[in-house]
């Protein structure tokens, strides 16, 4: 997969910023060394990626989901966090 570049890059994080980033911590926890490797793994196993992302973001579910994604009707009609129940206020507002 080749990145799409539109125009000039106007900002690039320093190595120090990258090292302290939440994305870098996520990658380290999952043994992923490069951003390209993360993109490849996420593309090849979307269920792993979104399950890991939701846990990393500490999104709370009132009822745990049974399946991260149901692709039985194709990607355009994906059903996410099947069987789960959540209150977005609990995850986004109440904790802050």
N, C-alpha and C. Protein backbone atom coordinates (compact mmCIF):
# COMPACT_ATOMS: atom_id res chain seq x y z
N UNK A 1 0.84 -1.17 0.00
CA UNK A 1 0.00 0.00 0.00
C UNK A 1 0.89 1.24 0.00
N UNK A 2 0.66 2.10 -0.94
CA UNK A 2 1.44 3.33 -1.04
C UNK A 2 0.66 4.48 -0.42
N UNK A 3 1.33 5.31 0.38
CA UNK A 3 0.62 6.45 0.97
C UNK A 3 0.24 7.46 -0.10
N UNK A 4 -0.86 8.13 0.14
CA UNK A 4 -1.31 9.19 -0.75
C UNK A 4 -0.77 10.50 -0.20
N UNK A 5 -0.08 11.25 -1.03
CA UNK A 5 0.49 12.53 -0.61
C UNK A 5 -0.15 13.61 -1.46
N UNK A 6 -0.74 14.57 -0.79
CA UNK A 6 -1.35 15.71 -1.48
C UNK A 6 -0.62 16.95 -1.00
N UNK A 7 0.14 17.57 -1.87
CA UNK A 7 0.87 18.78 -1.50
C UNK A 7 2.09 18.47 -0.66
N UNK A 8 2.67 19.53 -0.13
CA UNK A 8 3.87 19.41 0.69
C UNK A 8 3.52 19.03 2.12
N UNK A 9 4.41 18.28 2.74
CA UNK A 9 4.26 17.97 4.16
C UNK A 9 4.53 19.25 4.93
N UNK A 10 3.58 19.65 5.77
CA UNK A 10 3.76 20.91 6.49
C UNK A 10 4.26 20.71 7.92
N UNK A 11 4.17 19.48 8.42
CA UNK A 11 4.67 19.19 9.76
C UNK A 11 5.00 17.72 9.84
N UNK A 12 6.09 17.43 10.49
CA UNK A 12 6.47 16.05 10.74
C UNK A 12 6.94 15.98 12.18
N UNK A 13 6.43 15.00 12.94
CA UNK A 13 6.82 14.94 14.35
C UNK A 13 8.30 14.61 14.51
N UNK A 14 8.87 15.15 15.55
CA UNK A 14 10.26 14.82 15.88
C UNK A 14 10.31 13.40 16.42
N UNK A 15 11.47 12.77 16.41
CA UNK A 15 11.57 11.43 16.99
C UNK A 15 11.11 11.40 18.46
N UNK A 16 11.35 12.47 19.19
CA UNK A 16 10.93 12.53 20.59
C UNK A 16 9.41 12.52 20.71
N UNK A 17 8.73 13.27 19.84
CA UNK A 17 7.26 13.30 19.85
C UNK A 17 6.71 11.93 19.48
N UNK A 18 7.29 11.31 18.48
CA UNK A 18 6.86 9.97 18.07
C UNK A 18 7.03 9.00 19.23
N UNK A 19 8.16 9.04 19.88
CA UNK A 19 8.45 8.12 20.98
C UNK A 19 7.45 8.25 22.12
N UNK A 20 6.94 9.45 22.36
CA UNK A 20 6.00 9.68 23.46
C UNK A 20 4.53 9.53 23.04
N UNK A 21 4.29 9.22 21.79
CA UNK A 21 2.92 9.20 21.28
C UNK A 21 2.15 7.96 21.72
N UNK A 22 0.85 8.14 21.79
CA UNK A 22 -0.04 7.04 22.13
C UNK A 22 0.02 5.95 21.06
N UNK A 23 0.16 6.37 19.81
CA UNK A 23 0.27 5.40 18.72
C UNK A 23 1.50 4.52 18.89
N UNK A 24 2.62 5.11 19.26
CA UNK A 24 3.86 4.34 19.48
C UNK A 24 3.69 3.35 20.62
N UNK A 25 3.03 3.78 21.70
CA UNK A 25 2.78 2.86 22.82
C UNK A 25 1.89 1.70 22.38
N UNK A 26 0.89 2.00 21.57
CA UNK A 26 0.00 0.96 21.04
C UNK A 26 0.81 -0.04 20.22
N UNK A 27 1.64 0.47 19.33
CA UNK A 27 2.46 -0.40 18.49
C UNK A 27 3.42 -1.24 19.33
N UNK A 28 4.05 -0.64 20.31
CA UNK A 28 4.97 -1.38 21.18
C UNK A 28 4.25 -2.51 21.92
N UNK A 29 3.06 -2.23 22.43
CA UNK A 29 2.30 -3.26 23.16
C UNK A 29 2.00 -4.47 22.29
N UNK A 30 1.89 -4.23 20.98
CA UNK A 30 1.53 -5.31 20.07
C UNK A 30 2.71 -5.81 19.25
N UNK A 31 3.92 -5.40 19.62
CA UNK A 31 5.12 -5.89 18.95
C UNK A 31 5.24 -5.44 17.51
N UNK A 32 4.72 -4.27 17.21
CA UNK A 32 4.74 -3.73 15.85
C UNK A 32 5.82 -2.66 15.77
N UNK A 33 6.74 -2.81 14.84
CA UNK A 33 7.89 -1.91 14.78
C UNK A 33 7.72 -0.70 13.88
N UNK A 34 6.95 -0.83 12.81
CA UNK A 34 6.82 0.29 11.87
C UNK A 34 5.35 0.60 11.60
N UNK A 35 5.10 1.84 11.16
CA UNK A 35 3.74 2.24 10.82
C UNK A 35 3.22 1.41 9.65
N UNK A 36 4.07 1.13 8.68
CA UNK A 36 3.65 0.29 7.55
C UNK A 36 3.24 -1.10 8.01
N UNK A 37 3.96 -1.63 9.00
CA UNK A 37 3.61 -2.94 9.55
C UNK A 37 2.24 -2.87 10.24
N UNK A 38 1.98 -1.78 10.95
CA UNK A 38 0.67 -1.60 11.58
C UNK A 38 -0.44 -1.55 10.53
N UNK A 39 -0.23 -0.78 9.47
CA UNK A 39 -1.24 -0.69 8.41
C UNK A 39 -1.50 -2.06 7.78
N UNK A 40 -0.44 -2.81 7.55
CA UNK A 40 -0.58 -4.14 6.94
C UNK A 40 -1.36 -5.07 7.86
N UNK A 41 -0.99 -5.08 9.14
CA UNK A 41 -1.68 -5.97 10.09
C UNK A 41 -3.14 -5.57 10.26
N UNK A 42 -3.41 -4.27 10.33
CA UNK A 42 -4.79 -3.79 10.47
C UNK A 42 -5.62 -4.17 9.24
N UNK A 43 -5.02 -4.09 8.08
CA UNK A 43 -5.72 -4.43 6.84
C UNK A 43 -5.98 -5.93 6.75
N UNK A 44 -5.03 -6.73 7.18
CA UNK A 44 -5.16 -8.18 7.10
C UNK A 44 -6.05 -8.76 8.19
N UNK A 45 -6.16 -8.07 9.32
CA UNK A 45 -6.94 -8.59 10.45
C UNK A 45 -7.69 -7.44 11.12
N UNK A 46 -8.75 -6.98 10.45
CA UNK A 46 -9.47 -5.81 10.98
C UNK A 46 -10.11 -6.10 12.32
N UNK A 47 -10.48 -7.35 12.55
CA UNK A 47 -11.08 -7.69 13.86
C UNK A 47 -10.06 -7.49 14.97
N UNK A 48 -8.82 -7.95 14.77
CA UNK A 48 -7.78 -7.73 15.78
C UNK A 48 -7.58 -6.23 16.01
N UNK A 49 -7.43 -5.47 14.91
CA UNK A 49 -7.12 -4.05 15.05
C UNK A 49 -8.19 -3.31 15.82
N UNK A 50 -9.45 -3.47 15.43
CA UNK A 50 -10.50 -2.69 16.09
C UNK A 50 -10.77 -3.15 17.51
N UNK A 51 -10.58 -4.43 17.79
CA UNK A 51 -10.69 -4.90 19.18
C UNK A 51 -9.58 -4.28 20.02
N UNK A 52 -8.36 -4.29 19.50
CA UNK A 52 -7.24 -3.68 20.22
C UNK A 52 -7.43 -2.18 20.39
N UNK A 53 -7.92 -1.52 19.36
CA UNK A 53 -8.12 -0.06 19.42
C UNK A 53 -9.17 0.31 20.46
N UNK A 54 -10.29 -0.41 20.48
CA UNK A 54 -11.37 -0.11 21.42
C UNK A 54 -10.89 -0.32 22.85
N UNK A 55 -10.07 -1.35 23.06
CA UNK A 55 -9.53 -1.60 24.40
C UNK A 55 -8.49 -0.54 24.76
N UNK A 56 -7.66 -0.15 23.81
CA UNK A 56 -6.65 0.88 24.06
C UNK A 56 -7.30 2.21 24.42
N UNK A 57 -8.42 2.51 23.78
CA UNK A 57 -9.13 3.76 24.06
C UNK A 57 -10.00 3.67 25.31
N UNK A 58 -10.08 2.47 25.88
CA UNK A 58 -10.85 2.23 27.10
C UNK A 58 -12.32 2.60 26.92
N UNK A 59 -12.87 2.21 25.77
CA UNK A 59 -14.29 2.42 25.51
C UNK A 59 -15.06 1.36 26.31
N UNK A 60 -15.97 1.83 27.15
CA UNK A 60 -16.71 0.93 28.04
C UNK A 60 -17.99 0.44 27.37
N UNK A 61 -18.27 -0.82 27.54
CA UNK A 61 -19.52 -1.41 27.07
C UNK A 61 -20.32 -1.84 28.28
N UNK A 62 -21.63 -1.54 28.29
CA UNK A 62 -22.52 -2.00 29.36
C UNK A 62 -22.71 -3.51 29.24
N UNK A 63 -22.74 -3.98 28.02
CA UNK A 63 -22.78 -5.40 27.73
C UNK A 63 -21.68 -5.67 26.72
N UNK A 64 -20.81 -6.61 27.04
CA UNK A 64 -19.67 -6.92 26.17
C UNK A 64 -20.16 -7.42 24.81
N UNK A 65 -19.43 -7.06 23.77
CA UNK A 65 -19.78 -7.53 22.43
C UNK A 65 -19.36 -8.99 22.26
N UNK A 66 -20.12 -9.69 21.43
CA UNK A 66 -19.82 -11.09 21.13
C UNK A 66 -18.81 -11.22 20.00
N UNK A 67 -18.86 -10.25 19.10
CA UNK A 67 -17.99 -10.29 17.92
C UNK A 67 -17.67 -8.86 17.54
N UNK A 68 -16.41 -8.60 17.20
CA UNK A 68 -15.99 -7.25 16.84
C UNK A 68 -16.68 -6.78 15.57
N UNK A 69 -16.65 -7.60 14.54
CA UNK A 69 -17.25 -7.20 13.26
C UNK A 69 -17.84 -8.42 12.57
N UNK A 70 -19.01 -8.22 11.99
CA UNK A 70 -19.66 -9.25 11.20
C UNK A 70 -19.63 -8.79 9.75
N UNK A 71 -18.86 -9.49 8.94
CA UNK A 71 -18.72 -9.14 7.52
C UNK A 71 -19.50 -10.10 6.62
N UNK A 72 -20.44 -10.81 7.19
CA UNK A 72 -21.16 -11.83 6.42
C UNK A 72 -21.93 -11.26 5.23
N UNK A 73 -22.27 -9.99 5.28
CA UNK A 73 -22.98 -9.36 4.16
C UNK A 73 -22.06 -8.44 3.35
N UNK A 74 -20.76 -8.54 3.60
CA UNK A 74 -19.78 -7.73 2.88
C UNK A 74 -19.35 -6.51 3.67
N UNK A 75 -18.17 -5.98 3.33
CA UNK A 75 -17.63 -4.83 4.07
C UNK A 75 -18.54 -3.60 4.07
N UNK A 76 -19.21 -3.29 2.95
CA UNK A 76 -20.07 -2.09 2.99
C UNK A 76 -21.20 -2.18 4.02
N UNK A 77 -21.57 -3.40 4.40
CA UNK A 77 -22.66 -3.59 5.35
C UNK A 77 -22.17 -4.22 6.65
N UNK A 78 -20.96 -3.92 7.01
CA UNK A 78 -20.37 -4.47 8.24
C UNK A 78 -21.22 -4.09 9.45
N UNK A 79 -21.32 -5.02 10.38
CA UNK A 79 -21.98 -4.75 11.67
C UNK A 79 -20.87 -4.80 12.72
N UNK A 80 -20.74 -3.73 13.47
CA UNK A 80 -19.64 -3.58 14.42
C UNK A 80 -20.09 -3.85 15.85
N UNK A 81 -19.22 -4.45 16.62
CA UNK A 81 -19.41 -4.74 18.04
C UNK A 81 -20.76 -5.40 18.28
N UNK A 82 -20.95 -6.51 17.55
CA UNK A 82 -22.21 -7.25 17.53
C UNK A 82 -22.55 -7.75 18.94
N UNK A 83 -23.77 -7.44 19.35
CA UNK A 83 -24.26 -7.88 20.65
C UNK A 83 -23.89 -6.96 21.79
N UNK A 84 -23.01 -6.03 21.54
CA UNK A 84 -22.57 -5.12 22.60
C UNK A 84 -23.54 -3.97 22.81
N UNK A 85 -23.53 -3.45 23.99
CA UNK A 85 -24.31 -2.26 24.33
C UNK A 85 -23.36 -1.28 24.99
N UNK A 86 -23.52 -0.02 24.62
CA UNK A 86 -22.66 0.99 25.22
C UNK A 86 -23.43 2.28 25.41
N UNK A 87 -22.93 3.09 26.32
CA UNK A 87 -23.45 4.43 26.54
C UNK A 87 -22.26 5.36 26.30
N UNK A 88 -22.29 6.08 25.20
CA UNK A 88 -21.15 6.91 24.82
C UNK A 88 -20.82 7.95 25.89
N UNK A 89 -21.83 8.39 26.63
CA UNK A 89 -21.60 9.36 27.71
C UNK A 89 -20.66 8.76 28.75
N UNK A 90 -20.85 7.49 29.05
CA UNK A 90 -20.00 6.81 30.03
C UNK A 90 -18.54 6.82 29.60
N UNK A 91 -18.28 6.59 28.32
CA UNK A 91 -16.90 6.52 27.84
C UNK A 91 -16.29 7.88 27.55
N UNK A 92 -17.10 8.82 27.12
CA UNK A 92 -16.54 10.10 26.66
C UNK A 92 -16.70 11.25 27.64
N UNK A 93 -17.76 11.29 28.38
CA UNK A 93 -17.99 12.43 29.26
C UNK A 93 -17.80 12.11 30.73
N UNK A 94 -18.38 11.01 31.19
CA UNK A 94 -18.34 10.71 32.62
C UNK A 94 -16.93 10.55 33.15
N UNK A 95 -16.04 10.04 32.34
CA UNK A 95 -14.68 9.80 32.85
C UNK A 95 -13.88 11.09 32.94
N UNK A 96 -14.33 12.15 32.31
CA UNK A 96 -13.60 13.41 32.34
C UNK A 96 -14.34 14.35 33.22
